[in-house]
Amino acid sequence: MASTRPLFGDLLEPGFKQIFDENYRELERVLTQVFRKMNSTKQDERFSSVTGFGLLTVKAENAPIDYDDPIQGYDKLLSHVTYAKGFKISKELWDDDQYNVMNEKPRQLGIAARRTEETQAANVLNRAFNSGYLGGDDQELASTVHPRPDGGTSQSNASSTGITFGEENYETGKLAMRSQLDGRGQKINVMPSVILIPENLKKTADIVFKSNLRSGTADNDFNPYLNELKVVEWLYMDRNDTHWFLIDKEQAGLVWLQKEAINFSQDTAFESDAALFKVRERFSVGFYDWHGVWGSQGDGAAYSG
């Protein structure tokens, strides 16, 4: 359906002091602060991994060396999706608009595209505890039972008790994250650099990480967490207002794959003279490895995903 003069009569009359167009400030761009952006030239991208080796073994004098084999990891396929939207307006409305409101509408298609990207990326975290969205190891992004390729003891990157966010529980989550092992059960250097939170936890996070002295005490203790990591509030992460995540940006397998960048085009309908505008893009977003991520549902409830 095209936008026509009968639908927007106010725009045709010069008597209004102002016609308010919904052109608000956009939310801060968070996607690029959390996800690794990669370009793609295929219809989908497949990820996998290969383990390293275990510890060296003692070799007796003149004895043969002990050979070890790397192990194939888990595969994850991310398929690109096309997102698009158009806007159609009659030539008469375009020409007669006294307030240039319709002139702004093509630009706002770009705003809609950026909001789409943020929404799809945030949903990876919104669904981090959802068994309907699994990684290559057939577990949620945040799971208490991630299997190891070598068949060793499963690992957890989620709170099994849904600890709420606060200073003491941040330390608990940080230590749990630091204990993550590789596919052969060897220690790796995982360190959170970002805490990802919904809007209602921002105040608590600022107190924990930005107070010069330790929060909640009267002893003027030094705050060991002062500016320790970046506090990232994501308003699109709004499915659950208690979830919080620790992210090692350098090691987390969170990825945004761009097949086709935001692409604008314009045309004119030959018979009607209507102006046609559209925007499209093609991308996929998800995770191929859970290492470098730790999360809690933050509701104090048991979790065994």
C-alpha atoms as a PDB file:
ATOM      1  CA  MET A   1       0.000   0.000   0.000  1.00  0.00           C
ATOM      2  CA  ALA A   2       1.364   3.421  -0.911  1.00  0.00           C
ATOM      3  CA  SER A   3       1.293   6.500   1.315  1.00  0.00           C
ATOM      4  CA  THR A   4      -1.086   8.942  -0.376  1.00  0.00           C
ATOM      5  CA  ARG A   5      -2.493  12.411   0.298  1.00  0.00           C
ATOM      6  CA  PRO A   6      -5.824  11.224   1.799  1.00  0.00           C
ATOM      7  CA  LEU A   7      -3.856   9.343   4.474  1.00  0.00           C
ATOM      8  CA  PHE A   8      -1.657  12.301   5.440  1.00  0.00           C
ATOM      9  CA  GLY A   9      -3.848  15.344   5.009  1.00  0.00           C
ATOM     10  CA  ASP A  10      -2.094  17.291   7.778  1.00  0.00           C
ATOM     11  CA  LEU A  11       1.121  17.353   5.767  1.00  0.00           C
ATOM     12  CA  LEU A  12      -0.592  19.254   2.973  1.00  0.00           C
ATOM     13  CA  GLU A  13      -1.748  22.227   5.037  1.00  0.00           C
ATOM     14  CA  PRO A  14       0.776  24.971   5.936  1.00  0.00           C
ATOM     15  CA  GLY A  15      -1.169  26.115   9.008  1.00  0.00           C
ATOM     16  CA  PHE A  16       0.508  23.821  11.576  1.00  0.00           C
ATOM     17  CA  LYS A  17       3.281  25.255  13.738  1.00  0.00           C
ATOM     18  CA  GLN A  18       5.006  21.880  13.661  1.00  0.00           C
ATOM     19  CA  ILE A  19       4.163  18.327  12.721  1.00  0.00           C
ATOM     20  CA  PHE A  20       5.979  15.991  15.045  1.00  0.00           C
ATOM     21  CA  ASP A  21       7.905  13.240  13.271  1.00  0.00           C
ATOM     22  CA  GLU A  22       9.019  10.234  15.290  1.00  0.00           C
ATOM     23  CA  ASN A  23      12.710  10.861  14.861  1.00  0.00           C
ATOM     24  CA  TYR A  24      14.127  10.080  18.297  1.00  0.00           C
ATOM     25  CA  ARG A  25      17.690   9.524  19.420  1.00  0.00           C
ATOM     26  CA  GLU A  26      18.832   6.021  18.624  1.00  0.00           C
ATOM     27  CA  LEU A  27      20.044   3.590  21.261  1.00  0.00           C
ATOM     28  CA  GLU A  28      23.762   3.078  21.667  1.00  0.00           C
ATOM     29  CA  ARG A  29      25.235   0.550  19.250  1.00  0.00           C
ATOM     30  CA  VAL A  30      26.123  -2.532  21.342  1.00  0.00           C
ATOM     31  CA  LEU A  31      26.429  -5.274  18.728  1.00  0.00           C
ATOM     32  CA  THR A  32      29.962  -4.267  17.756  1.00  0.00           C
ATOM     33  CA  GLN A  33      31.040  -4.050  21.401  1.00  0.00           C
ATOM     34  CA  VAL A  34      30.231  -7.708  22.046  1.00  0.00           C
ATOM     35  CA  PHE A  35      30.273  -9.649  18.777  1.00  0.00           C
ATOM     36  CA  ARG A  36      33.163 -10.288  16.432  1.00  0.00           C
ATOM     37  CA  LYS A  37      32.261  -8.950  12.997  1.00  0.00           C
ATOM     38  CA  MET A  38      33.299 -11.038   9.991  1.00  0.00           C
ATOM     39  CA  ASN A  39      32.506 -10.803   6.292  1.00  0.00           C
ATOM     40  CA  SER A  40      31.147 -13.751   4.315  1.00  0.00           C
ATOM     41  CA  THR A  41      31.016 -14.630   0.625  1.00  0.00           C
ATOM     42  CA  LYS A  42      28.946 -17.816   0.925  1.00  0.00           C
ATOM     43  CA  GLN A  43      25.334 -18.674   1.709  1.00  0.00           C
ATOM     44  CA  ASP A  44      26.388 -19.926   5.135  1.00  0.00           C
ATOM     45  CA  GLU A  45      29.502 -20.406   7.226  1.00  0.00           C
ATOM     46  CA  ARG A  46      30.602 -23.490   9.124  1.00  0.00           C
ATOM     47  CA  PHE A  47      32.777 -23.346  12.224  1.00  0.00           C
ATOM     48  CA  SER A  48      34.741 -26.090  13.916  1.00  0.00           C
ATOM     49  CA  SER A  49      37.796 -26.536  16.116  1.00  0.00           C
ATOM     50  CA  VAL A  50      40.710 -28.873  16.717  1.00  0.00           C
ATOM     51  CA  THR A  51      42.081 -29.464  20.186  1.00  0.00           C
ATOM     52  CA  GLY A  52      45.671 -29.065  21.266  1.00  0.00           C
ATOM     53  CA  PHE A  53      47.597 -31.674  23.252  1.00  0.00           C
ATOM     54  CA  GLY A  54      47.727 -32.920  26.795  1.00  0.00           C
ATOM     55  CA  LEU A  55      50.718 -32.525  29.111  1.00  0.00           C
ATOM     56  CA  LEU A  56      54.019 -34.105  28.157  1.00  0.00           C
ATOM     57  CA  THR A  57      54.729 -37.557  29.557  1.00  0.00           C
ATOM     58  CA  VAL A  58      57.904 -38.864  31.102  1.00  0.00           C
ATOM     59  CA  LYS A  59      60.153 -40.523  28.545  1.00  0.00           C
ATOM     60  CA  ALA A  60      62.521 -43.202  29.817  1.00  0.00           C
ATOM     61  CA  GLU A  61      66.036 -43.402  28.436  1.00  0.00           C
ATOM     62  CA  ASN A  62      66.126 -44.893  24.914  1.00  0.00           C
ATOM     63  CA  ALA A  63      62.348 -45.482  25.044  1.00  0.00           C
ATOM     64  CA  PRO A  64      60.082 -44.489  22.151  1.00  0.00           C
ATOM     65  CA  ILE A  65      58.318 -41.144  22.367  1.00  0.00           C
ATOM     66  CA  ASP A  66      54.637 -41.006  23.282  1.00  0.00           C
ATOM     67  CA  TYR A  67      52.592 -39.659  20.374  1.00  0.00           C
ATOM     68  CA  ASP A  68      49.373 -37.781  20.885  1.00  0.00           C
ATOM     69  CA  ASP A  69      46.623 -36.896  18.397  1.00  0.00           C
ATOM     70  CA  PRO A  70      44.569 -33.703  18.245  1.00  0.00           C
ATOM     71  CA  ILE A  71      40.806 -34.201  18.380  1.00  0.00           C
ATOM     72  CA  GLN A  72      38.169 -32.773  16.063  1.00  0.00           C
ATOM     73  CA  GLY A  73      35.804 -30.372  17.859  1.00  0.00           C
ATOM     74  CA  TYR A  74      32.126 -29.649  17.298  1.00  0.00           C
ATOM     75  CA  ASP A  75      30.696 -28.157  14.095  1.00  0.00           C
ATOM     76  CA  LYS A  76      28.366 -25.166  14.018  1.00  0.00           C
ATOM     77  CA  LEU A  77      26.587 -23.887  10.904  1.00  0.00           C
ATOM     78  CA  LEU A  78      25.335 -20.312  10.633  1.00  0.00           C
ATOM     79  CA  SER A  79      23.100 -19.630   7.622  1.00  0.00           C
ATOM     80  CA  HIS A  80      22.526 -16.090   6.402  1.00  0.00           C
ATOM     81  CA  VAL A  81      19.059 -14.524   6.443  1.00  0.00           C
ATOM     82  CA  THR A  82      17.855 -11.678   4.234  1.00  0.00           C
ATOM     83  CA  TYR A  83      16.117  -8.787   5.999  1.00  0.00           C
ATOM     84  CA  ALA A  84      14.337  -6.104   3.969  1.00  0.00           C
ATOM     85  CA  LYS A  85      11.674  -3.420   4.107  1.00  0.00           C
ATOM     86  CA  GLY A  86      10.250  -0.921   1.630  1.00  0.00           C
ATOM     87  CA  PHE A  87       8.377   2.369   1.594  1.00  0.00           C
ATOM     88  CA  LYS A  88       6.100   3.581  -1.206  1.00  0.00           C
ATOM     89  CA  ILE A  89       4.686   7.080  -1.585  1.00  0.00           C
ATOM     90  CA  SER A  90       2.594   8.736  -4.238  1.00  0.00           C
ATOM     91  CA  LYS A  91       4.283  11.451  -6.282  1.00  0.00           C
ATOM     92  CA  GLU A  92       1.567  13.893  -5.277  1.00  0.00           C
ATOM     93  CA  LEU A  93       2.197  13.430  -1.549  1.00  0.00           C
ATOM     94  CA  TRP A  94       5.946  13.639  -2.063  1.00  0.00           C
ATOM     95  CA  ASP A  95       5.578  16.909  -3.988  1.00  0.00           C
ATOM     96  CA  ASP A  96       2.917  18.501  -1.766  1.00  0.00           C
ATOM     97  CA  ASP A  97       4.334  17.694   1.698  1.00  0.00           C
ATOM     98  CA  GLN A  98       4.710  21.115   3.346  1.00  0.00           C
ATOM     99  CA  TYR A  99       6.871  19.895   6.252  1.00  0.00           C
ATOM    100  CA  ASN A 100       9.391  17.587   4.546  1.00  0.00           C
ATOM    101  CA  VAL A 101       8.278  14.759   6.838  1.00  0.00           C
ATOM    102  CA  MET A 102       8.140  12.234   4.027  1.00  0.00           C
ATOM    103  CA  ASN A 103      11.572  13.299   2.884  1.00  0.00           C
ATOM    104  CA  GLU A 104      12.932  11.822   6.117  1.00  0.00           C
ATOM    105  CA  LYS A 105      11.269   8.440   5.724  1.00  0.00           C
ATOM    106  CA  PRO A 106      13.851   6.834   3.408  1.00  0.00           C
ATOM    107  CA  ARG A 107      16.576   7.668   5.946  1.00  0.00           C
ATOM    108  CA  GLN A 108      14.513   6.041   8.674  1.00  0.00           C
ATOM    109  CA  LEU A 109      14.654   2.765   6.789  1.00  0.00           C
ATOM    110  CA  GLY A 110      18.333   2.759   7.774  1.00  0.00           C
ATOM    111  CA  ILE A 111      17.368   3.205  11.417  1.00  0.00           C
ATOM    112  CA  ALA A 112      15.030   0.219  11.111  1.00  0.00           C
ATOM    113  CA  ALA A 113      17.883  -1.840   9.648  1.00  0.00           C
ATOM    114  CA  ARG A 114      20.240  -1.016  12.510  1.00  0.00           C
ATOM    115  CA  ARG A 115      17.532  -1.823  15.043  1.00  0.00           C
ATOM    116  CA  THR A 116      17.030  -5.164  13.319  1.00  0.00           C
ATOM    117  CA  GLU A 117      20.737  -5.970  13.668  1.00  0.00           C
ATOM    118  CA  GLU A 118      20.748  -5.069  17.358  1.00  0.00           C
ATOM    119  CA  THR A 119      17.583  -7.079  18.018  1.00  0.00           C
ATOM    120  CA  GLN A 120      18.867 -10.226  16.305  1.00  0.00           C
ATOM    121  CA  ALA A 121      22.239 -10.017  18.054  1.00  0.00           C
ATOM    122  CA  ALA A 122      20.692  -9.393  21.482  1.00  0.00           C
ATOM    123  CA  ASN A 123      18.476 -12.437  20.977  1.00  0.00           C
ATOM    124  CA  VAL A 124      21.596 -14.640  21.083  1.00  0.00           C
ATOM    125  CA  LEU A 125      21.932 -13.576  24.741  1.00  0.00           C
ATOM    126  CA  ASN A 126      18.191 -13.491  25.371  1.00  0.00           C
ATOM    127  CA  ARG A 127      18.149 -17.161  24.357  1.00  0.00           C
ATOM    128  CA  ALA A 128      21.364 -18.154  26.082  1.00  0.00           C
ATOM    129  CA  PHE A 129      19.506 -20.457  28.502  1.00  0.00           C
ATOM    130  CA  ASN A 130      16.911 -21.644  25.969  1.00  0.00           C
ATOM    131  CA  SER A 131      17.179 -25.299  24.911  1.00  0.00           C
ATOM    132  CA  GLY A 132      15.637 -24.404  21.561  1.00  0.00           C
ATOM    133  CA  TYR A 133      18.846 -22.615  20.500  1.00  0.00           C
ATOM    134  CA  LEU A 134      21.870 -24.885  20.725  1.00  0.00           C
ATOM    135  CA  GLY A 135      25.519 -24.700  19.745  1.00  0.00           C
ATOM    136  CA  GLY A 136      27.662 -27.266  17.985  1.00  0.00           C
ATOM    137  CA  ASP A 137      27.925 -29.370  21.146  1.00  0.00           C
ATOM    138  CA  ASP A 138      24.098 -29.574  21.384  1.00  0.00           C
ATOM    139  CA  GLN A 139      24.030 -27.346  24.453  1.00  0.00           C
ATOM    140  CA  GLU A 140      22.781 -23.838  25.122  1.00  0.00           C
ATOM    141  CA  LEU A 141      25.243 -20.945  24.980  1.00  0.00           C
ATOM    142  CA  ALA A 142      25.122 -20.901  28.798  1.00  0.00           C
ATOM    143  CA  SER A 143      25.059 -24.501  29.992  1.00  0.00           C
ATOM    144  CA  THR A 144      26.172 -26.462  33.042  1.00  0.00           C
ATOM    145  CA  VAL A 145      27.034 -29.562  30.982  1.00  0.00           C
ATOM    146  CA  HIS A 146      29.135 -28.630  27.957  1.00  0.00           C
ATOM    147  CA  PRO A 147      30.812 -31.875  26.756  1.00  0.00           C
ATOM    148  CA  ARG A 148      34.531 -32.042  26.038  1.00  0.00           C
ATOM    149  CA  PRO A 149      35.826 -33.366  22.696  1.00  0.00           C
ATOM    150  CA  ASP A 150      38.212 -35.660  24.556  1.00  0.00           C
ATOM    151  CA  GLY A 151      35.362 -37.243  26.519  1.00  0.00           C
ATOM    152  CA  GLY A 152      36.506 -35.740  29.800  1.00  0.00           C
ATOM    153  CA  THR A 153      34.374 -34.183  32.527  1.00  0.00           C
ATOM    154  CA  SER A 154      31.764 -31.792  31.171  1.00  0.00           C
ATOM    155  CA  GLN A 155      32.179 -28.085  31.852  1.00  0.00           C
ATOM    156  CA  SER A 156      29.878 -25.307  32.968  1.00  0.00           C
ATOM    157  CA  ASN A 157      29.702 -21.667  31.936  1.00  0.00           C
ATOM    158  CA  ALA A 158      26.457 -20.929  33.764  1.00  0.00           C
ATOM    159  CA  SER A 159      25.369 -20.523  37.363  1.00  0.00           C
ATOM    160  CA  SER A 160      23.485 -23.610  38.477  1.00  0.00           C
ATOM    161  CA  THR A 161      21.769 -21.546  41.203  1.00  0.00           C
ATOM    162  CA  GLY A 162      20.980 -18.430  39.159  1.00  0.00           C
ATOM    163  CA  ILE A 163      23.004 -16.145  41.410  1.00  0.00           C
ATOM    164  CA  THR A 164      21.828 -12.546  41.403  1.00  0.00           C
ATOM    165  CA  PHE A 165      24.214  -9.812  40.369  1.00  0.00           C
ATOM    166  CA  GLY A 166      26.246  -8.076  43.077  1.00  0.00           C
ATOM    167  CA  GLU A 167      29.813  -7.661  44.267  1.00  0.00           C
ATOM    168  CA  GLU A 168      30.206 -11.083  45.921  1.00  0.00           C
ATOM    169  CA  ASN A 169      28.418 -12.934  43.135  1.00  0.00           C
ATOM    170  CA  TYR A 170      30.489 -11.158  40.516  1.00  0.00           C
ATOM    171  CA  GLU A 171      33.573 -12.638  42.194  1.00  0.00           C
ATOM    172  CA  THR A 172      31.892 -16.065  42.131  1.00  0.00           C
ATOM    173  CA  GLY A 173      31.124 -15.758  38.435  1.00  0.00           C
ATOM    174  CA  LYS A 174      34.570 -14.438  37.613  1.00  0.00           C
ATOM    175  CA  LEU A 175      36.297 -17.352  39.357  1.00  0.00           C
ATOM    176  CA  ALA A 176      33.977 -19.816  37.622  1.00  0.00           C
ATOM    177  CA  MET A 177      34.788 -18.254  34.279  1.00  0.00           C
ATOM    178  CA  ARG A 178      38.514 -18.327  34.998  1.00  0.00           C
ATOM    179  CA  SER A 179      38.276 -22.086  35.567  1.00  0.00           C
ATOM    180  CA  GLN A 180      37.191 -22.832  31.987  1.00  0.00           C
ATOM    181  CA  LEU A 181      39.350 -25.495  30.310  1.00  0.00           C
ATOM    182  CA  ASP A 182      40.092 -26.297  26.693  1.00  0.00           C
ATOM    183  CA  GLY A 183      38.953 -29.411  24.832  1.00  0.00           C
ATOM    184  CA  ARG A 184      41.738 -31.478  26.404  1.00  0.00           C
ATOM    185  CA  GLY A 185      41.048 -30.307  29.943  1.00  0.00           C
ATOM    186  CA  GLN A 186      44.007 -27.910  30.008  1.00  0.00           C
ATOM    187  CA  LYS A 187      43.973 -24.506  31.689  1.00  0.00           C
ATOM    188  CA  ILE A 188      43.398 -21.454  29.480  1.00  0.00           C
ATOM    189  CA  ASN A 189      43.621 -17.772  30.272  1.00  0.00           C
ATOM    190  CA  VAL A 190      40.011 -16.568  30.231  1.00  0.00           C
ATOM    191  CA  MET A 191      39.423 -13.153  31.790  1.00  0.00           C
ATOM    192  CA  PRO A 192      36.180 -11.157  31.575  1.00  0.00           C
ATOM    193  CA  SER A 193      36.532  -7.777  29.882  1.00  0.00           C
ATOM    194  CA  VAL A 194      32.824  -6.925  29.587  1.00  0.00           C
ATOM    195  CA  ILE A 195      29.826  -7.352  31.865  1.00  0.00           C
ATOM    196  CA  LEU A 196      26.647  -7.405  29.794  1.00  0.00           C
ATOM    197  CA  ILE A 197      23.497  -6.414  31.663  1.00  0.00           C
ATOM    198  CA  PRO A 198      19.885  -5.361  31.103  1.00  0.00           C
ATOM    199  CA  GLU A 199      18.823  -1.835  31.965  1.00  0.00           C
ATOM    200  CA  ASN A 200      17.656  -2.431  35.523  1.00  0.00           C
ATOM    201  CA  LEU A 201      21.067  -3.788  36.654  1.00  0.00           C
ATOM    202  CA  LYS A 202      23.010  -0.738  35.424  1.00  0.00           C
ATOM    203  CA  LYS A 203      22.917   1.091  38.772  1.00  0.00           C
ATOM    204  CA  THR A 204      24.240  -1.926  40.681  1.00  0.00           C
ATOM    205  CA  ALA A 205      26.971  -2.482  38.090  1.00  0.00           C
ATOM    206  CA  ASP A 206      28.085   1.152  38.304  1.00  0.00           C
ATOM    207  CA  ILE A 207      28.322   0.883  42.098  1.00  0.00           C
ATOM    208  CA  VAL A 208      30.403  -2.298  41.881  1.00  0.00           C
ATOM    209  CA  PHE A 209      32.786  -1.206  39.130  1.00  0.00           C
ATOM    210  CA  LYS A 210      32.917   2.581  39.377  1.00  0.00           C
ATOM    211  CA  SER A 211      33.008   3.331  43.121  1.00  0.00           C
ATOM    212  CA  ASN A 212      36.433   4.476  44.282  1.00  0.00           C
ATOM    213  CA  LEU A 213      35.949   2.662  47.593  1.00  0.00           C
ATOM    214  CA  ARG A 214      34.402  -0.729  48.137  1.00  0.00           C
ATOM    215  CA  SER A 215      30.625  -0.574  47.903  1.00  0.00           C
ATOM    216  CA  GLY A 216      28.388  -1.382  50.858  1.00  0.00           C
ATOM    217  CA  THR A 217      31.062  -1.125  53.554  1.00  0.00           C
ATOM    218  CA  ALA A 218      32.003   1.538  56.089  1.00  0.00           C
ATOM    219  CA  ASP A 219      35.702   0.634  56.261  1.00  0.00           C
ATOM    220  CA  ASN A 220      36.917   2.700  53.296  1.00  0.00           C
ATOM    221  CA  ASP A 221      38.335  -0.448  51.730  1.00  0.00           C
ATOM    222  CA  PHE A 222      39.983  -0.147  48.340  1.00  0.00           C
ATOM    223  CA  ASN A 223      37.612  -1.290  45.594  1.00  0.00           C
ATOM    224  CA  PRO A 224      39.445  -4.140  43.796  1.00  0.00           C
ATOM    225  CA  TYR A 225      36.902  -4.060  40.958  1.00  0.00           C
ATOM    226  CA  LEU A 226      37.282  -0.371  40.097  1.00  0.00           C
ATOM    227  CA  ASN A 227      37.196  -0.125  36.279  1.00  0.00           C
ATOM    228  CA  GLU A 228      38.094  -3.820  36.066  1.00  0.00           C
ATOM    229  CA  LEU A 229      35.859  -4.340  33.068  1.00  0.00           C
ATOM    230  CA  LYS A 230      33.518  -2.462  30.784  1.00  0.00           C
ATOM    231  CA  VAL A 231      29.895  -2.162  31.840  1.00  0.00           C
ATOM    232  CA  VAL A 232      27.678  -2.613  28.775  1.00  0.00           C
ATOM    233  CA  GLU A 233      23.969  -2.028  29.165  1.00  0.00           C
ATOM    234  CA  TRP A 234      21.940  -3.495  26.296  1.00  0.00           C
ATOM    235  CA  LEU A 235      18.341  -2.326  26.166  1.00  0.00           C
ATOM    236  CA  TYR A 236      17.581  -4.917  23.494  1.00  0.00           C
ATOM    237  CA  MET A 237      18.512  -7.627  26.004  1.00  0.00           C
ATOM    238  CA  ASP A 238      15.072  -7.276  27.543  1.00  0.00           C
ATOM    239  CA  ARG A 239      13.538 -10.749  27.516  1.00  0.00           C
ATOM    240  CA  ASN A 240      14.683 -11.295  31.104  1.00  0.00           C
ATOM    241  CA  ASP A 241      15.594  -8.377  33.337  1.00  0.00           C
ATOM    242  CA  THR A 242      17.775 -10.409  35.729  1.00  0.00           C
ATOM    243  CA  HIS A 243      20.181 -12.139  33.320  1.00  0.00           C
ATOM    244  CA  TRP A 244      23.813 -11.030  33.404  1.00  0.00           C
ATOM    245  CA  PHE A 245      26.861 -12.176  31.467  1.00  0.00           C
ATOM    246  CA  LEU A 246      30.623 -11.969  31.744  1.00  0.00           C
ATOM    247  CA  ILE A 247      32.370 -11.860  28.376  1.00  0.00           C
ATOM    248  CA  ASP A 248      35.995 -12.198  27.367  1.00  0.00           C
ATOM    249  CA  LYS A 249      35.752 -10.203  24.140  1.00  0.00           C
ATOM    250  CA  GLU A 250      38.965 -11.710  22.725  1.00  0.00           C
ATOM    251  CA  GLN A 251      37.960 -15.345  23.257  1.00  0.00           C
ATOM    252  CA  ALA A 252      34.162 -15.433  23.120  1.00  0.00           C
ATOM    253  CA  GLY A 253      32.796 -17.224  20.061  1.00  0.00           C
ATOM    254  CA  LEU A 254      30.062 -14.641  19.480  1.00  0.00           C
ATOM    255  CA  VAL A 255      30.038 -13.741  15.804  1.00  0.00           C
ATOM    256  CA  TRP A 256      28.148 -11.504  13.409  1.00  0.00           C
ATOM    257  CA  LEU A 257      28.613 -12.542   9.773  1.00  0.00           C
ATOM    258  CA  GLN A 258      27.827  -9.966   7.134  1.00  0.00           C
ATOM    259  CA  LYS A 259      26.984 -11.351   3.706  1.00  0.00           C
ATOM    260  CA  GLU A 260      25.421  -8.162   2.330  1.00  0.00           C
ATOM    261  CA  ALA A 261      25.802  -4.779   4.020  1.00  0.00           C
ATOM    262  CA  ILE A 262      22.845  -2.433   4.467  1.00  0.00           C
ATOM    263  CA  ASN A 263      21.886  -1.606   0.900  1.00  0.00           C
ATOM    264  CA  PHE A 264      19.511   1.206  -0.096  1.00  0.00           C
ATOM    265  CA  SER A 265      17.809   1.539  -3.481  1.00  0.00           C
ATOM    266  CA  GLN A 266      15.170   3.783  -5.033  1.00  0.00           C
ATOM    267  CA  ASP A 267      12.926   3.510  -8.064  1.00  0.00           C
ATOM    268  CA  THR A 268       9.792   4.998  -9.600  1.00  0.00           C
ATOM    269  CA  ALA A 269       6.749   2.996 -10.622  1.00  0.00           C
ATOM    270  CA  PHE A 270       6.259   3.555 -14.349  1.00  0.00           C
ATOM    271  CA  GLU A 271       2.451   3.611 -14.405  1.00  0.00           C
ATOM    272  CA  SER A 272       1.657   5.328 -11.075  1.00  0.00           C
ATOM    273  CA  ASP A 273       4.760   7.527 -10.682  1.00  0.00           C
ATOM    274  CA  ALA A 274       4.934   6.416  -7.036  1.00  0.00           C
ATOM    275  CA  ALA A 275       8.352   6.729  -5.424  1.00  0.00           C
ATOM    276  CA  LEU A 276       9.699   3.400  -4.161  1.00  0.00           C
ATOM    277  CA  PHE A 277      12.379   3.062  -1.503  1.00  0.00           C
ATOM    278  CA  LYS A 278      13.805  -0.091   0.019  1.00  0.00           C
ATOM    279  CA  VAL A 279      16.557  -1.304   2.265  1.00  0.00           C
ATOM    280  CA  ARG A 280      17.923  -4.830   2.553  1.00  0.00           C
ATOM    281  CA  GLU A 281      20.780  -6.661   4.132  1.00  0.00           C
ATOM    282  CA  ARG A 282      21.837 -10.253   4.643  1.00  0.00           C
ATOM    283  CA  PHE A 283      23.617 -11.580   7.699  1.00  0.00           C
ATOM    284  CA  SER A 284      23.708 -14.248  10.367  1.00  0.00           C
ATOM    285  CA  VAL A 285      24.485 -13.889  14.033  1.00  0.00           C
ATOM    286  CA  GLY A 286      25.160 -16.516  16.669  1.00  0.00           C
ATOM    287  CA  PHE A 287      27.888 -18.360  18.537  1.00  0.00           C
ATOM    288  CA  TYR A 288      30.298 -21.097  17.535  1.00  0.00           C
ATOM    289  CA  ASP A 289      32.060 -21.571  20.888  1.00  0.00           C
ATOM    290  CA  TRP A 290      30.908 -21.026  24.467  1.00  0.00           C
ATOM    291  CA  HIS A 291      34.358 -20.395  25.922  1.00  0.00           C
ATOM    292  CA  GLY A 292      34.853 -16.793  26.985  1.00  0.00           C
ATOM    293  CA  VAL A 293      31.217 -16.456  28.073  1.00  0.00           C
ATOM    294  CA  TRP A 294      29.723 -17.022  31.522  1.00  0.00           C
ATOM    295  CA  GLY A 295      26.130 -16.277  32.469  1.00  0.00           C
ATOM    296  CA  SER A 296      23.557 -16.359  35.224  1.00  0.00           C
ATOM    297  CA  GLN A 297      19.787 -16.125  34.977  1.00  0.00           C
ATOM    298  CA  GLY A 298      20.033 -13.961  38.085  1.00  0.00           C
ATOM    299  CA  ASP A 299      16.731 -15.099  39.530  1.00  0.00           C
ATOM    300  CA  GLY A 300      18.026 -17.295  42.359  1.00  0.00           C
ATOM    301  CA  ALA A 301      16.457 -20.394  40.794  1.00  0.00           C
ATOM    302  CA  ALA A 302      18.143 -23.698  40.008  1.00  0.00           C
ATOM    303  CA  TYR A 303      19.331 -24.169  36.435  1.00  0.00           C
ATOM    304  CA  SER A 304      20.614 -27.357  34.848  1.00  0.00           C
ATOM    305  CA  GLY A 305      20.665 -26.570  31.130  1.00  0.00           C
END
